[in-house]
């Protein structure tokens, strides 16, 4: 829901809240947060969220990669796009 409403702040807050309650965010949770950042034109936050996703040893799926790449594309950050393609 946060993703479709471009509510990137709320999506990131939900991730933080889950962690504070010692709940383990899932691939879907992280993908939705990355996508919300992409829709909100916050490419740096999308990359940061993606990186924290990987640090939790979760495997990003096609949705996560697509959202992160789209966010970097919207931010004209081609170096980051190339970095994602190499992962």
C-alpha atoms as a PDB file:
ATOM      1  CA  UNK A   1       0.000   0.000   0.000  1.00  0.00           C
ATOM      2  CA  UNK A   2       2.817   2.425   0.825  1.00  0.00           C
ATOM      3  CA  UNK A   3       4.420   1.649  -2.510  1.00  0.00           C
ATOM      4  CA  UNK A   4       1.354   2.526  -4.553  1.00  0.00           C
ATOM      5  CA  UNK A   5       0.753   5.723  -2.592  1.00  0.00           C
ATOM      6  CA  UNK A   6       4.385   6.839  -2.979  1.00  0.00           C
ATOM      7  CA  UNK A   7       4.678   6.804   0.816  1.00  0.00           C
ATOM      8  CA  UNK A   8       8.352   5.996   1.036  1.00  0.00           C
ATOM      9  CA  UNK A   9       8.698   7.458   4.535  1.00  0.00           C
ATOM     10  CA  UNK A  10       5.933   5.214   5.858  1.00  0.00           C
ATOM     11  CA  UNK A  11       7.445   2.163   4.140  1.00  0.00           C
ATOM     12  CA  UNK A  12      10.860   2.802   5.691  1.00  0.00           C
ATOM     13  CA  UNK A  13       9.262   3.474   9.069  1.00  0.00           C
ATOM     14  CA  UNK A  14       7.453   0.128   8.877  1.00  0.00           C
ATOM     15  CA  UNK A  15      10.760  -1.655   8.270  1.00  0.00           C
ATOM     16  CA  UNK A  16      12.334   0.119  11.239  1.00  0.00           C
ATOM     17  CA  UNK A  17       9.313  -0.678  13.392  1.00  0.00           C
ATOM     18  CA  UNK A  18       9.491  -4.348  12.474  1.00  0.00           C
ATOM     19  CA  UNK A  19      13.148  -4.467  13.450  1.00  0.00           C
ATOM     20  CA  UNK A  20      12.483  -2.627  16.723  1.00  0.00           C
ATOM     21  CA  UNK A  21       9.872  -5.270  17.573  1.00  0.00           C
ATOM     22  CA  UNK A  22      12.381  -7.998  16.731  1.00  0.00           C
ATOM     23  CA  UNK A  23      10.348  -9.091  13.725  1.00  0.00           C
ATOM     24  CA  UNK A  24      12.277 -10.224  10.677  1.00  0.00           C
ATOM     25  CA  UNK A  25      11.281  -8.252   7.553  1.00  0.00           C
ATOM     26  CA  UNK A  26      10.750 -10.514   4.561  1.00  0.00           C
ATOM     27  CA  UNK A  27      11.787 -10.222   0.934  1.00  0.00           C
ATOM     28  CA  UNK A  28       8.336  -8.785   0.223  1.00  0.00           C
ATOM     29  CA  UNK A  29       8.736  -6.145   2.976  1.00  0.00           C
ATOM     30  CA  UNK A  30      12.073  -4.972   1.625  1.00  0.00           C
ATOM     31  CA  UNK A  31      10.921  -5.080  -1.988  1.00  0.00           C
ATOM     32  CA  UNK A  32       7.908  -2.917  -1.128  1.00  0.00           C
ATOM     33  CA  UNK A  33      10.125  -0.403   0.665  1.00  0.00           C
ATOM     34  CA  UNK A  34      12.593  -0.231  -2.254  1.00  0.00           C
ATOM     35  CA  UNK A  35       9.676   0.191  -4.648  1.00  0.00           C
ATOM     36  CA  UNK A  36       8.125   2.948  -2.501  1.00  0.00           C
ATOM     37  CA  UNK A  37      11.465   4.803  -2.552  1.00  0.00           C
ATOM     38  CA  UNK A  38      11.605   4.386  -6.319  1.00  0.00           C
ATOM     39  CA  UNK A  39       8.078   5.746  -6.755  1.00  0.00           C
ATOM     40  CA  UNK A  40       8.923   8.620  -4.391  1.00  0.00           C
ATOM     41  CA  UNK A  41      12.012   9.479  -6.484  1.00  0.00           C
ATOM     42  CA  UNK A  42      14.373   8.708  -3.600  1.00  0.00           C
ATOM     43  CA  UNK A  43      17.016   6.684  -5.401  1.00  0.00           C
ATOM     44  CA  UNK A  44      19.657   6.973  -2.682  1.00  0.00           C
ATOM     45  CA  UNK A  45      17.222   5.590  -0.107  1.00  0.00           C
ATOM     46  CA  UNK A  46      16.252   2.816  -2.515  1.00  0.00           C
ATOM     47  CA  UNK A  47      19.926   1.806  -2.835  1.00  0.00           C
ATOM     48  CA  UNK A  48      20.479   2.056   0.910  1.00  0.00           C
ATOM     49  CA  UNK A  49      17.399  -0.073   1.593  1.00  0.00           C
ATOM     50  CA  UNK A  50      18.529  -2.605  -0.997  1.00  0.00           C
ATOM     51  CA  UNK A  51      21.961  -2.775   0.638  1.00  0.00           C
ATOM     52  CA  UNK A  52      20.465  -3.354   4.093  1.00  0.00           C
ATOM     53  CA  UNK A  53      18.310  -6.060   2.528  1.00  0.00           C
ATOM     54  CA  UNK A  54      21.430  -7.900   1.398  1.00  0.00           C
ATOM     55  CA  UNK A  55      23.146  -7.417   4.771  1.00  0.00           C
ATOM     56  CA  UNK A  56      20.303  -9.452   6.298  1.00  0.00           C
ATOM     57  CA  UNK A  57      21.260 -12.312   4.010  1.00  0.00           C
ATOM     58  CA  UNK A  58      17.990 -12.220   2.147  1.00  0.00           C
ATOM     59  CA  UNK A  59      18.055 -12.925  -1.562  1.00  0.00           C
ATOM     60  CA  UNK A  60      16.660 -10.047  -3.617  1.00  0.00           C
ATOM     61  CA  UNK A  61      14.091 -11.053  -6.187  1.00  0.00           C
ATOM     62  CA  UNK A  62      13.293  -9.643  -9.614  1.00  0.00           C
ATOM     63  CA  UNK A  63      10.928  -7.060  -8.100  1.00  0.00           C
ATOM     64  CA  UNK A  64      13.622  -5.776  -5.738  1.00  0.00           C
ATOM     65  CA  UNK A  65      16.253  -5.476  -8.469  1.00  0.00           C
ATOM     66  CA  UNK A  66      13.808  -3.868 -10.908  1.00  0.00           C
ATOM     67  CA  UNK A  67      12.688  -1.270  -8.361  1.00  0.00           C
ATOM     68  CA  UNK A  68      16.257  -0.435  -7.348  1.00  0.00           C
ATOM     69  CA  UNK A  69      17.375  -0.107 -10.974  1.00  0.00           C
ATOM     70  CA  UNK A  70      14.310   2.018 -11.841  1.00  0.00           C
ATOM     71  CA  UNK A  71      15.034   4.302  -8.865  1.00  0.00           C
ATOM     72  CA  UNK A  72      18.631   4.818  -9.998  1.00  0.00           C
ATOM     73  CA  UNK A  73      17.478   5.388 -13.573  1.00  0.00           C
ATOM     74  CA  UNK A  74      15.007   8.057 -12.412  1.00  0.00           C
ATOM     75  CA  UNK A  75      17.833   9.702 -10.473  1.00  0.00           C
ATOM     76  CA  UNK A  76      20.125   9.555 -13.527  1.00  0.00           C
ATOM     77  CA  UNK A  77      22.635   7.563 -11.525  1.00  0.00           C
ATOM     78  CA  UNK A  78      23.969   5.212 -14.172  1.00  0.00           C
ATOM     79  CA  UNK A  79      26.926   4.086 -12.084  1.00  0.00           C
ATOM     80  CA  UNK A  80      24.513   2.580  -9.560  1.00  0.00           C
ATOM     81  CA  UNK A  81      22.492   0.941 -12.345  1.00  0.00           C
ATOM     82  CA  UNK A  82      25.645  -0.685 -13.692  1.00  0.00           C
ATOM     83  CA  UNK A  83      26.503  -1.794 -10.155  1.00  0.00           C
ATOM     84  CA  UNK A  84      23.143  -3.537  -9.820  1.00  0.00           C
ATOM     85  CA  UNK A  85      23.589  -5.271 -13.140  1.00  0.00           C
ATOM     86  CA  UNK A  86      26.854  -6.707 -11.872  1.00  0.00           C
ATOM     87  CA  UNK A  87      25.306  -8.261  -8.756  1.00  0.00           C
END
